[in-house]
Amino acid sequence: MSSSSIFDPPSGRPKRILCVGAAVLDTLFRVRTLPQGQGKVLPYDMLQIAEGMASSAAYAIARLGGEVSLWGAVGRDATGERIIRDLDAAGIDVSGISLVEGARSAVSTILVDDDGERLIVPFYDPQLHHTVKVFTPEDLAAFDAVLVDVRWPALALEVLRTARSMGKPAILDGDVAPDGIIEQLAPEATHIVFSEPAAQRLTGTGDFAEMACLLKRRFGHSFICVTAGAAGSFWFDDQSHDIRHSPTIAVKAVDTLAAGDIFHGAFALAVAEGKMAADAILFSSVAAAMKCEVFGGRSSAPTRAEVIARLRMHEAPSRA
């Protein structure tokens, strides 16, 4: 079967995903090298863009042909207005975003160097997530899957628990979080995709296959995957009970910011579409790798047609 047929969207209406978590106004500065100490850093490019883990994942879903809603929280301030406006213009349903009186909207400053690596200084006002958005199972009925990050854990927990009880994929972005948050959310997730730093922190090992194995032992009820950047992904195959490695395509990394978020969004959409695990991971890996080729955070997430075209290129040498 060709890549185009495997990764084409299913017939009928697009799958609809709910993303829950971060909505941030990022200021990106492009620099030659990341600073090593005190001094002044002079960037040669910059961009302001609304993103964050859940927001960037939502954008990836929209770019790849899914329908997507975001539940996040912003302050009732100019920054919050900008975040909502930017995400709405990106094709994301923002009607579920909460406006919090007395809280400041989340912001971050990010330096991206010529190798695509970054230094992130985020600020999240604790008051943003003091309360939990009220919802009912009926509010989730129209969604085919949910994807949550770790920034609003109280809401993420309720959304995961409700979605799972309804038989829907309940996907956790297992990124670095304060102590106890992953352990709180993971039992309610059907799928967990861990970042390398979070997986290493939870397992104490630098070996990716061992990370995936240890995490599966700990969270045996969930599908487990660990993303490893240019090294691809390592995941537990629940059919063969083996750790599998899925390589990704080679790219010249210009900006790795939001790559993991693009992976999560693509993965959530692929799972909602009923893709096999290996195909979902390949699809997500290629989308994330392509994002890294262009400066601009989540703004460089590829379309579905672009991902399929790259998959065809990736597939061609193996046929030769």
C-alpha atoms as a PDB file:
ATOM      1  CA  MET A   1       0.000   0.000   0.000  1.00  0.00           C
ATOM      2  CA  SER A   2       1.378   3.428  -0.904  1.00  0.00           C
ATOM      3  CA  SER A   3       1.978   6.198   1.607  1.00  0.00           C
ATOM      4  CA  SER A   4      -0.656   8.340  -0.026  1.00  0.00           C
ATOM      5  CA  SER A   5      -3.411   5.787   0.609  1.00  0.00           C
ATOM      6  CA  ILE A   6      -2.260   4.992   4.157  1.00  0.00           C
ATOM      7  CA  PHE A   7      -2.143   8.606   5.240  1.00  0.00           C
ATOM      8  CA  ASP A   8      -5.037  10.088   3.310  1.00  0.00           C
ATOM      9  CA  PRO A   9      -7.856  11.212   5.623  1.00  0.00           C
ATOM     10  CA  PRO A  10     -10.777   8.807   6.009  1.00  0.00           C
ATOM     11  CA  SER A  11     -13.949   9.443   4.062  1.00  0.00           C
ATOM     12  CA  GLY A  12     -16.652  11.532   5.660  1.00  0.00           C
ATOM     13  CA  ARG A  13     -16.320  14.535   7.906  1.00  0.00           C
ATOM     14  CA  PRO A  14     -12.900  15.414   9.326  1.00  0.00           C
ATOM     15  CA  LYS A  15     -12.146  14.016  12.756  1.00  0.00           C
ATOM     16  CA  ARG A  16     -12.599  16.485  15.578  1.00  0.00           C
ATOM     17  CA  ILE A  17     -10.062  16.789  18.402  1.00  0.00           C
ATOM     18  CA  LEU A  18     -10.185  18.678  21.703  1.00  0.00           C
ATOM     19  CA  CYS A  19      -6.861  20.081  22.936  1.00  0.00           C
ATOM     20  CA  VAL A  20      -6.539  21.182  26.560  1.00  0.00           C
ATOM     21  CA  GLY A  21      -3.743  23.262  28.051  1.00  0.00           C
ATOM     22  CA  ALA A  22      -1.264  25.994  27.253  1.00  0.00           C
ATOM     23  CA  ALA A  23      -2.055  29.184  25.362  1.00  0.00           C
ATOM     24  CA  VAL A  24       0.950  31.515  25.403  1.00  0.00           C
ATOM     25  CA  LEU A  25       2.189  34.587  23.562  1.00  0.00           C
ATOM     26  CA  ASP A  26       5.736  33.697  22.535  1.00  0.00           C
ATOM     27  CA  THR A  27       8.387  36.156  21.430  1.00  0.00           C
ATOM     28  CA  LEU A  28      10.970  34.310  19.348  1.00  0.00           C
ATOM     29  CA  PHE A  29      14.429  35.752  18.771  1.00  0.00           C
ATOM     30  CA  ARG A  30      16.776  34.135  16.269  1.00  0.00           C
ATOM     31  CA  VAL A  31      20.438  34.296  17.283  1.00  0.00           C
ATOM     32  CA  ARG A  32      23.674  32.842  15.942  1.00  0.00           C
ATOM     33  CA  THR A  33      24.498  31.034  19.196  1.00  0.00           C
ATOM     34  CA  LEU A  34      22.803  30.682  22.555  1.00  0.00           C
ATOM     35  CA  PRO A  35      24.334  32.849  25.317  1.00  0.00           C
ATOM     36  CA  GLN A  36      26.771  31.191  27.700  1.00  0.00           C
ATOM     37  CA  GLY A  37      26.890  33.898  30.352  1.00  0.00           C
ATOM     38  CA  GLN A  38      26.169  37.555  31.063  1.00  0.00           C
ATOM     39  CA  GLY A  39      26.053  40.118  28.288  1.00  0.00           C
ATOM     40  CA  LYS A  40      23.862  41.426  25.486  1.00  0.00           C
ATOM     41  CA  VAL A  41      22.500  39.130  22.777  1.00  0.00           C
ATOM     42  CA  LEU A  42      21.668  40.684  19.397  1.00  0.00           C
ATOM     43  CA  PRO A  43      19.078  38.700  17.399  1.00  0.00           C
ATOM     44  CA  TYR A  44      18.838  38.914  13.631  1.00  0.00           C
ATOM     45  CA  ASP A  45      15.182  37.897  13.329  1.00  0.00           C
ATOM     46  CA  MET A  46      12.113  37.829  15.580  1.00  0.00           C
ATOM     47  CA  LEU A  47       8.500  36.752  15.633  1.00  0.00           C
ATOM     48  CA  GLN A  48       5.601  37.076  18.070  1.00  0.00           C
ATOM     49  CA  ILE A  49       3.100  34.232  17.896  1.00  0.00           C
ATOM     50  CA  ALA A  50       0.443  32.621  20.060  1.00  0.00           C
ATOM     51  CA  GLU A  51       1.366  29.004  20.759  1.00  0.00           C
ATOM     52  CA  GLY A  52       2.146  26.707  23.703  1.00  0.00           C
ATOM     53  CA  MET A  53       1.916  22.924  23.852  1.00  0.00           C
ATOM     54  CA  ALA A  54      -1.823  22.415  23.412  1.00  0.00           C
ATOM     55  CA  SER A  55      -2.190  25.446  21.136  1.00  0.00           C
ATOM     56  CA  SER A  56       0.601  24.349  18.795  1.00  0.00           C
ATOM     57  CA  ALA A  57      -0.773  20.805  18.712  1.00  0.00           C
ATOM     58  CA  ALA A  58      -4.177  22.243  17.823  1.00  0.00           C
ATOM     59  CA  TYR A  59      -2.622  24.216  14.982  1.00  0.00           C
ATOM     60  CA  ALA A  60      -0.975  21.058  13.647  1.00  0.00           C
ATOM     61  CA  ILE A  61      -4.343  19.312  13.644  1.00  0.00           C
ATOM     62  CA  ALA A  62      -5.932  22.179  11.712  1.00  0.00           C
ATOM     63  CA  ARG A  63      -3.068  22.190   9.177  1.00  0.00           C
ATOM     64  CA  LEU A  64      -3.389  18.428   8.693  1.00  0.00           C
ATOM     65  CA  GLY A  65      -7.086  18.623   7.902  1.00  0.00           C
ATOM     66  CA  GLY A  66      -8.731  17.954  11.243  1.00  0.00           C
ATOM     67  CA  GLU A  67     -11.235  20.052  13.143  1.00  0.00           C
ATOM     68  CA  VAL A  68      -9.968  21.248  16.494  1.00  0.00           C
ATOM     69  CA  SER A  69     -11.054  23.104  19.607  1.00  0.00           C
ATOM     70  CA  LEU A  70      -8.856  24.497  22.370  1.00  0.00           C
ATOM     71  CA  TRP A  71      -9.685  24.737  26.053  1.00  0.00           C
ATOM     72  CA  GLY A  72      -7.116  26.984  27.697  1.00  0.00           C
ATOM     73  CA  ALA A  73      -7.007  30.034  29.926  1.00  0.00           C
ATOM     74  CA  VAL A  74      -5.840  33.601  29.335  1.00  0.00           C
ATOM     75  CA  GLY A  75      -6.047  36.758  31.378  1.00  0.00           C
ATOM     76  CA  ARG A  76      -8.593  39.431  30.601  1.00  0.00           C
ATOM     77  CA  ASP A  77      -5.857  41.638  29.173  1.00  0.00           C
ATOM     78  CA  ALA A  78      -4.410  42.793  25.839  1.00  0.00           C
ATOM     79  CA  THR A  79      -2.117  39.779  25.664  1.00  0.00           C
ATOM     80  CA  GLY A  80      -5.049  37.444  26.139  1.00  0.00           C
ATOM     81  CA  GLU A  81      -6.953  39.200  23.362  1.00  0.00           C
ATOM     82  CA  ARG A  82      -3.935  38.775  21.088  1.00  0.00           C
ATOM     83  CA  ILE A  83      -3.634  35.065  21.904  1.00  0.00           C
ATOM     84  CA  ILE A  84      -7.297  34.398  21.160  1.00  0.00           C
ATOM     85  CA  ARG A  85      -7.199  36.447  17.967  1.00  0.00           C
ATOM     86  CA  ASP A  86      -4.090  34.667  16.656  1.00  0.00           C
ATOM     87  CA  LEU A  87      -5.373  31.174  17.409  1.00  0.00           C
ATOM     88  CA  ASP A  88      -8.789  31.915  15.919  1.00  0.00           C
ATOM     89  CA  ALA A  89      -7.097  33.124  12.733  1.00  0.00           C
ATOM     90  CA  ALA A  90      -5.127  29.846  12.675  1.00  0.00           C
ATOM     91  CA  GLY A  91      -8.335  27.825  12.248  1.00  0.00           C
ATOM     92  CA  ILE A  92      -8.763  26.756  15.884  1.00  0.00           C
ATOM     93  CA  ASP A  93     -12.135  26.931  17.652  1.00  0.00           C
ATOM     94  CA  VAL A  94     -11.338  29.210  20.604  1.00  0.00           C
ATOM     95  CA  SER A  95     -14.866  29.489  22.008  1.00  0.00           C
ATOM     96  CA  GLY A  96     -13.848  27.263  24.932  1.00  0.00           C
ATOM     97  CA  ILE A  97     -10.960  29.446  26.104  1.00  0.00           C
ATOM     98  CA  SER A  98     -11.518  30.855  29.603  1.00  0.00           C
ATOM     99  CA  LEU A  99     -10.944  34.547  30.377  1.00  0.00           C
ATOM    100  CA  VAL A 100      -9.667  34.830  33.942  1.00  0.00           C
ATOM    101  CA  GLU A 101     -10.195  38.060  35.854  1.00  0.00           C
ATOM    102  CA  GLY A 102      -7.147  39.277  37.758  1.00  0.00           C
ATOM    103  CA  ALA A 103      -4.714  36.896  36.053  1.00  0.00           C
ATOM    104  CA  ARG A 104      -1.983  37.765  33.587  1.00  0.00           C
ATOM    105  CA  SER A 105      -1.854  35.875  30.299  1.00  0.00           C
ATOM    106  CA  ALA A 106       1.073  33.509  29.796  1.00  0.00           C
ATOM    107  CA  VAL A 107       4.104  34.822  27.907  1.00  0.00           C
ATOM    108  CA  SER A 108       7.548  33.508  27.067  1.00  0.00           C
ATOM    109  CA  THR A 109      10.782  34.708  25.524  1.00  0.00           C
ATOM    110  CA  ILE A 110      12.603  32.183  23.354  1.00  0.00           C
ATOM    111  CA  LEU A 111      16.051  32.284  21.777  1.00  0.00           C
ATOM    112  CA  VAL A 112      16.588  29.991  18.777  1.00  0.00           C
ATOM    113  CA  ASP A 113      20.135  29.460  17.494  1.00  0.00           C
ATOM    114  CA  ASP A 114      21.402  28.494  14.037  1.00  0.00           C
ATOM    115  CA  ASP A 115      21.373  24.792  14.946  1.00  0.00           C
ATOM    116  CA  GLY A 116      17.687  24.976  15.808  1.00  0.00           C
ATOM    117  CA  GLU A 117      18.214  24.623  19.540  1.00  0.00           C
ATOM    118  CA  ARG A 118      16.407  26.963  21.897  1.00  0.00           C
ATOM    119  CA  LEU A 119      16.410  28.628  25.287  1.00  0.00           C
ATOM    120  CA  ILE A 120      12.941  29.226  26.729  1.00  0.00           C
ATOM    121  CA  VAL A 121      11.964  31.600  29.545  1.00  0.00           C
ATOM    122  CA  PRO A 122       8.223  31.094  30.203  1.00  0.00           C
ATOM    123  CA  PHE A 123       5.912  32.853  32.654  1.00  0.00           C
ATOM    124  CA  TYR A 124       2.610  31.301  33.743  1.00  0.00           C
ATOM    125  CA  ASP A 125       0.550  33.230  36.284  1.00  0.00           C
ATOM    126  CA  PRO A 126      -0.595  30.657  38.888  1.00  0.00           C
ATOM    127  CA  GLN A 127      -4.005  32.352  38.987  1.00  0.00           C
ATOM    128  CA  LEU A 128      -4.708  31.311  35.386  1.00  0.00           C
ATOM    129  CA  HIS A 129      -5.461  27.723  36.358  1.00  0.00           C
ATOM    130  CA  HIS A 130      -6.810  28.070  39.888  1.00  0.00           C
ATOM    131  CA  THR A 131     -10.268  26.948  38.835  1.00  0.00           C
ATOM    132  CA  VAL A 132     -11.485  24.131  36.594  1.00  0.00           C
ATOM    133  CA  LYS A 133     -13.613  24.814  33.545  1.00  0.00           C
ATOM    134  CA  VAL A 134     -17.039  23.280  34.091  1.00  0.00           C
ATOM    135  CA  PHE A 135     -18.128  20.817  31.412  1.00  0.00           C
ATOM    136  CA  THR A 136     -20.353  17.768  30.978  1.00  0.00           C
ATOM    137  CA  PRO A 137     -19.930  14.539  29.009  1.00  0.00           C
ATOM    138  CA  GLU A 138     -22.225  16.064  26.412  1.00  0.00           C
ATOM    139  CA  ASP A 139     -19.602  18.743  25.807  1.00  0.00           C
ATOM    140  CA  LEU A 140     -17.154  15.999  24.777  1.00  0.00           C
ATOM    141  CA  ALA A 141     -19.627  13.961  22.747  1.00  0.00           C
ATOM    142  CA  ALA A 142     -18.769  15.623  19.431  1.00  0.00           C
ATOM    143  CA  PHE A 143     -15.017  14.990  19.748  1.00  0.00           C
ATOM    144  CA  ASP A 144     -13.307  11.901  18.363  1.00  0.00           C
ATOM    145  CA  ALA A 145     -10.302  12.203  20.704  1.00  0.00           C
ATOM    146  CA  VAL A 146      -8.864  14.496  23.362  1.00  0.00           C
ATOM    147  CA  LEU A 147      -5.255  15.621  23.812  1.00  0.00           C
ATOM    148  CA  VAL A 148      -4.119  17.297  27.035  1.00  0.00           C
ATOM    149  CA  ASP A 149      -0.837  18.807  28.167  1.00  0.00           C
ATOM    150  CA  VAL A 150       0.443  19.332  31.720  1.00  0.00           C
ATOM    151  CA  ARG A 151      -0.188  23.085  32.082  1.00  0.00           C
ATOM    152  CA  TRP A 152      -3.765  22.895  33.461  1.00  0.00           C
ATOM    153  CA  PRO A 153      -3.634  19.564  35.307  1.00  0.00           C
ATOM    154  CA  ALA A 154      -6.935  19.856  37.169  1.00  0.00           C
ATOM    155  CA  LEU A 155      -8.881  20.315  33.934  1.00  0.00           C
ATOM    156  CA  ALA A 156      -6.685  17.850  32.040  1.00  0.00           C
ATOM    157  CA  LEU A 157      -7.472  15.160  34.613  1.00  0.00           C
ATOM    158  CA  GLU A 158     -11.233  15.640  34.312  1.00  0.00           C
ATOM    159  CA  VAL A 159     -11.107  15.699  30.510  1.00  0.00           C
ATOM    160  CA  LEU A 160      -8.981  12.530  30.329  1.00  0.00           C
ATOM    161  CA  ARG A 161     -11.199  10.726  32.837  1.00  0.00           C
ATOM    162  CA  THR A 162     -14.408  11.700  31.058  1.00  0.00           C
ATOM    163  CA  ALA A 163     -13.127  10.910  27.562  1.00  0.00           C
ATOM    164  CA  ARG A 164     -11.814   7.525  28.644  1.00  0.00           C
ATOM    165  CA  SER A 165     -15.116   6.635  30.315  1.00  0.00           C
ATOM    166  CA  MET A 166     -16.825   7.463  27.010  1.00  0.00           C
ATOM    167  CA  GLY A 167     -14.519   5.141  25.056  1.00  0.00           C
ATOM    168  CA  LYS A 168     -12.639   7.960  23.324  1.00  0.00           C
ATOM    169  CA  PRO A 169      -8.851   8.160  22.885  1.00  0.00           C
ATOM    170  CA  ALA A 170      -7.547  10.153  25.859  1.00  0.00           C
ATOM    171  CA  ILE A 171      -4.017  11.266  24.938  1.00  0.00           C
ATOM    172  CA  LEU A 172      -1.486  12.812  27.314  1.00  0.00           C
ATOM    173  CA  ASP A 173       1.435  14.980  26.231  1.00  0.00           C
ATOM    174  CA  GLY A 174       3.899  13.659  28.784  1.00  0.00           C
ATOM    175  CA  ASP A 175       6.249  16.617  28.982  1.00  0.00           C
ATOM    176  CA  VAL A 176       8.281  17.888  31.928  1.00  0.00           C
ATOM    177  CA  ALA A 177       5.941  18.942  34.727  1.00  0.00           C
ATOM    178  CA  PRO A 178       6.055  19.689  38.461  1.00  0.00           C
ATOM    179  CA  ASP A 179       6.481  16.638  40.681  1.00  0.00           C
ATOM    180  CA  GLY A 180       3.435  14.394  40.765  1.00  0.00           C
ATOM    181  CA  ILE A 181       1.566  15.827  37.768  1.00  0.00           C
ATOM    182  CA  ILE A 182       2.404  13.040  35.294  1.00  0.00           C
ATOM    183  CA  GLU A 183       1.641  10.452  37.971  1.00  0.00           C
ATOM    184  CA  GLN A 184      -1.725  12.142  38.551  1.00  0.00           C
ATOM    185  CA  LEU A 185      -2.721  12.318  34.888  1.00  0.00           C
ATOM    186  CA  ALA A 186      -1.250   9.114  33.461  1.00  0.00           C
ATOM    187  CA  PRO A 187      -3.748   6.658  35.028  1.00  0.00           C
ATOM    188  CA  GLU A 188      -6.575   8.292  33.071  1.00  0.00           C
ATOM    189  CA  ALA A 189      -4.799   8.333  29.685  1.00  0.00           C
ATOM    190  CA  THR A 190      -5.229   5.725  26.961  1.00  0.00           C
ATOM    191  CA  HIS A 191      -2.113   6.984  25.137  1.00  0.00           C
ATOM    192  CA  ILE A 192       0.954   8.770  26.554  1.00  0.00           C
ATOM    193  CA  VAL A 193       3.647  10.291  24.361  1.00  0.00           C
ATOM    194  CA  PHE A 194       6.620  11.319  26.501  1.00  0.00           C
ATOM    195  CA  SER A 195       9.313  13.838  25.620  1.00  0.00           C
ATOM    196  CA  GLU A 196      12.895  12.688  26.146  1.00  0.00           C
ATOM    197  CA  PRO A 197      13.496  14.969  29.186  1.00  0.00           C
ATOM    198  CA  ALA A 198      10.290  13.851  30.901  1.00  0.00           C
ATOM    199  CA  ALA A 199      10.967  10.176  30.210  1.00  0.00           C
ATOM    200  CA  GLN A 200      14.516  10.459  31.500  1.00  0.00           C
ATOM    201  CA  ARG A 201      13.329  12.254  34.618  1.00  0.00           C
ATOM    202  CA  LEU A 202      10.760   9.562  35.355  1.00  0.00           C
ATOM    203  CA  THR A 203      13.016   6.568  34.627  1.00  0.00           C
ATOM    204  CA  GLY A 204      16.525   7.748  35.506  1.00  0.00           C
ATOM    205  CA  THR A 205      18.020   6.247  32.342  1.00  0.00           C
ATOM    206  CA  GLY A 206      19.327   7.735  29.102  1.00  0.00           C
ATOM    207  CA  ASP A 207      18.587   4.626  27.028  1.00  0.00           C
ATOM    208  CA  PHE A 208      15.446   5.219  24.964  1.00  0.00           C
ATOM    209  CA  ALA A 209      14.397   1.586  24.660  1.00  0.00           C
ATOM    210  CA  GLU A 210      14.805   1.143  28.401  1.00  0.00           C
ATOM    211  CA  MET A 211      12.790   4.334  28.987  1.00  0.00           C
ATOM    212  CA  ALA A 212       9.891   2.942  26.968  1.00  0.00           C
ATOM    213  CA  CYS A 213      10.107  -0.405  28.736  1.00  0.00           C
ATOM    214  CA  LEU A 214      10.147   1.089  32.230  1.00  0.00           C
ATOM    215  CA  LEU A 215       7.325   3.502  31.440  1.00  0.00           C
ATOM    216  CA  LYS A 216       5.188   0.671  30.074  1.00  0.00           C
ATOM    217  CA  ARG A 217       5.739  -1.279  33.289  1.00  0.00           C
ATOM    218  CA  ARG A 218       4.664   1.754  35.271  1.00  0.00           C
ATOM    219  CA  PHE A 219       1.687   2.780  33.117  1.00  0.00           C
ATOM    220  CA  GLY A 220       0.720  -0.574  31.661  1.00  0.00           C
ATOM    221  CA  HIS A 221      -2.845   0.426  30.794  1.00  0.00           C
ATOM    222  CA  SER A 222      -1.675   3.029  28.227  1.00  0.00           C
ATOM    223  CA  PHE A 223      -0.013   3.006  24.838  1.00  0.00           C
ATOM    224  CA  ILE A 224       3.516   4.285  25.522  1.00  0.00           C
ATOM    225  CA  CYS A 225       5.796   6.221  23.176  1.00  0.00           C
ATOM    226  CA  VAL A 226       8.968   8.226  23.829  1.00  0.00           C
ATOM    227  CA  THR A 227      10.052  10.819  21.262  1.00  0.00           C
ATOM    228  CA  ALA A 228      13.795  11.100  20.703  1.00  0.00           C
ATOM    229  CA  GLY A 229      14.196  14.038  18.317  1.00  0.00           C
ATOM    230  CA  ALA A 230      16.399  13.209  15.343  1.00  0.00           C
ATOM    231  CA  ALA A 231      16.661   9.618  16.633  1.00  0.00           C
ATOM    232  CA  GLY A 232      12.955   9.048  15.965  1.00  0.00           C
ATOM    233  CA  SER A 233      10.614   7.414  18.479  1.00  0.00           C
ATOM    234  CA  PHE A 234      10.608   4.344  20.706  1.00  0.00           C
ATOM    235  CA  TRP A 235       7.321   2.709  21.589  1.00  0.00           C
ATOM    236  CA  PHE A 236       5.837  -0.381  23.170  1.00  0.00           C
ATOM    237  CA  ASP A 237       4.006  -2.593  20.688  1.00  0.00           C
ATOM    238  CA  ASP A 238       1.000  -3.921  22.586  1.00  0.00           C
ATOM    239  CA  GLN A 239       0.525  -6.721  20.047  1.00  0.00           C
ATOM    240  CA  SER A 240       4.063  -8.140  19.974  1.00  0.00           C
ATOM    241  CA  HIS A 241       4.977  -6.908  23.486  1.00  0.00           C
ATOM    242  CA  ASP A 242       8.265  -5.599  22.092  1.00  0.00           C
ATOM    243  CA  ILE A 243       9.908  -2.179  22.144  1.00  0.00           C
ATOM    244  CA  ARG A 244       9.929  -0.845  18.600  1.00  0.00           C
ATOM    245  CA  HIS A 245      11.968   1.953  17.079  1.00  0.00           C
ATOM    246  CA  SER A 246      10.505   4.239  14.426  1.00  0.00           C
ATOM    247  CA  PRO A 247      13.201   6.360  12.721  1.00  0.00           C
ATOM    248  CA  THR A 248      12.310   9.738  11.297  1.00  0.00           C
ATOM    249  CA  ILE A 249      13.483  11.591   8.200  1.00  0.00           C
ATOM    250  CA  ALA A 250      16.761  13.491   8.195  1.00  0.00           C
ATOM    251  CA  VAL A 251      16.434  17.277   8.063  1.00  0.00           C
ATOM    252  CA  LYS A 252      18.573  20.354   8.589  1.00  0.00           C
ATOM    253  CA  ALA A 253      17.129  21.694  11.823  1.00  0.00           C
ATOM    254  CA  VAL A 254      16.535  25.443  11.783  1.00  0.00           C
ATOM    255  CA  ASP A 255      14.030  25.719  14.641  1.00  0.00           C
ATOM    256  CA  THR A 256      13.000  22.816  16.901  1.00  0.00           C
ATOM    257  CA  LEU A 257      10.512  24.906  18.881  1.00  0.00           C
ATOM    258  CA  ALA A 258       7.039  23.265  18.877  1.00  0.00           C
ATOM    259  CA  ALA A 259       8.288  20.122  17.109  1.00  0.00           C
ATOM    260  CA  GLY A 260       7.050  17.930  19.958  1.00  0.00           C
ATOM    261  CA  ASP A 261       3.708  19.726  19.929  1.00  0.00           C
ATOM    262  CA  ILE A 262       3.331  19.145  16.190  1.00  0.00           C
ATOM    263  CA  PHE A 263       4.079  15.457  16.817  1.00  0.00           C
ATOM    264  CA  HIS A 264       1.361  15.291  19.479  1.00  0.00           C
ATOM    265  CA  GLY A 265      -1.229  17.013  17.323  1.00  0.00           C
ATOM    266  CA  ALA A 266      -0.502  14.798  14.319  1.00  0.00           C
ATOM    267  CA  PHE A 267      -0.544  11.712  16.538  1.00  0.00           C
ATOM    268  CA  ALA A 268      -3.906  12.617  18.088  1.00  0.00           C
ATOM    269  CA  LEU A 269      -5.439  13.126  14.655  1.00  0.00           C
ATOM    270  CA  ALA A 270      -3.978   9.870  13.318  1.00  0.00           C
ATOM    271  CA  VAL A 271      -5.278   7.936  16.333  1.00  0.00           C
ATOM    272  CA  ALA A 272      -8.735   9.490  15.915  1.00  0.00           C
ATOM    273  CA  GLU A 273      -8.634   8.406  12.267  1.00  0.00           C
ATOM    274  CA  GLY A 274      -7.941   4.824  13.292  1.00  0.00           C
ATOM    275  CA  LYS A 275      -4.377   4.638  12.000  1.00  0.00           C
ATOM    276  CA  MET A 276      -2.183   1.757  13.174  1.00  0.00           C
ATOM    277  CA  ALA A 277       0.393   2.720  15.809  1.00  0.00           C
ATOM    278  CA  ALA A 278       3.395   2.433  13.483  1.00  0.00           C
ATOM    279  CA  ASP A 279       1.689   4.554  10.829  1.00  0.00           C
ATOM    280  CA  ALA A 280       0.521   7.149  13.350  1.00  0.00           C
ATOM    281  CA  ILE A 281       4.053   7.517  14.693  1.00  0.00           C
ATOM    282  CA  LEU A 282       5.631   7.760  11.232  1.00  0.00           C
ATOM    283  CA  PHE A 283       3.075  10.368  10.160  1.00  0.00           C
ATOM    284  CA  SER A 284       3.687  12.383  13.338  1.00  0.00           C
ATOM    285  CA  SER A 285       7.477  12.087  13.108  1.00  0.00           C
ATOM    286  CA  VAL A 286       7.578  13.382   9.561  1.00  0.00           C
ATOM    287  CA  ALA A 287       5.268  16.309  10.366  1.00  0.00           C
ATOM    288  CA  ALA A 288       7.441  17.243  13.367  1.00  0.00           C
ATOM    289  CA  ALA A 289      10.692  16.924  11.404  1.00  0.00           C
ATOM    290  CA  MET A 290       9.373  19.099   8.570  1.00  0.00           C
ATOM    291  CA  LYS A 291       8.410  21.781  11.081  1.00  0.00           C
ATOM    292  CA  CYS A 292      12.045  21.959  12.177  1.00  0.00           C
ATOM    293  CA  GLU A 293      13.190  23.049   8.713  1.00  0.00           C
ATOM    294  CA  VAL A 294      11.712  26.552   9.034  1.00  0.00           C
ATOM    295  CA  PHE A 295      12.045  29.263  11.694  1.00  0.00           C
ATOM    296  CA  GLY A 296       8.781  30.288  13.327  1.00  0.00           C
ATOM    297  CA  GLY A 297       7.640  27.882  16.024  1.00  0.00           C
ATOM    298  CA  ARG A 298       4.275  26.310  15.277  1.00  0.00           C
ATOM    299  CA  SER A 299       3.747  28.555  12.226  1.00  0.00           C
ATOM    300  CA  SER A 300       5.881  26.182  10.128  1.00  0.00           C
ATOM    301  CA  ALA A 301       3.702  23.111  10.741  1.00  0.00           C
ATOM    302  CA  PRO A 302       3.184  21.361   7.384  1.00  0.00           C
ATOM    303  CA  THR A 303      -0.079  20.572   5.637  1.00  0.00           C
ATOM    304  CA  ARG A 304      -1.232  17.008   5.081  1.00  0.00           C
ATOM    305  CA  ALA A 305      -0.391  17.195   1.381  1.00  0.00           C
ATOM    306  CA  GLU A 306       3.150  18.309   2.260  1.00  0.00           C
ATOM    307  CA  VAL A 307       3.598  15.454   4.736  1.00  0.00           C
ATOM    308  CA  ILE A 308       2.349  12.878   2.236  1.00  0.00           C
ATOM    309  CA  ALA A 309       4.684  14.259  -0.427  1.00  0.00           C
ATOM    310  CA  ARG A 310       7.648  13.911   1.940  1.00  0.00           C
ATOM    311  CA  LEU A 311       6.566  10.396   2.869  1.00  0.00           C
ATOM    312  CA  ARG A 312       6.593   9.477  -0.813  1.00  0.00           C
ATOM    313  CA  MET A 313      10.145  10.786  -1.082  1.00  0.00           C
ATOM    314  CA  HIS A 314      11.076   8.806   2.042  1.00  0.00           C
ATOM    315  CA  GLU A 315       9.465   5.671   0.629  1.00  0.00           C
ATOM    316  CA  ALA A 316      11.034   5.892  -2.847  1.00  0.00           C
ATOM    317  CA  PRO A 317      14.637   4.905  -1.927  1.00  0.00           C
ATOM    318  CA  SER A 318      13.429   1.763  -0.151  1.00  0.00           C
ATOM    319  CA  ARG A 319      11.787   0.646  -3.400  1.00  0.00           C
ATOM    320  CA  ALA A 320      14.928   1.149  -5.451  1.00  0.00           C
END
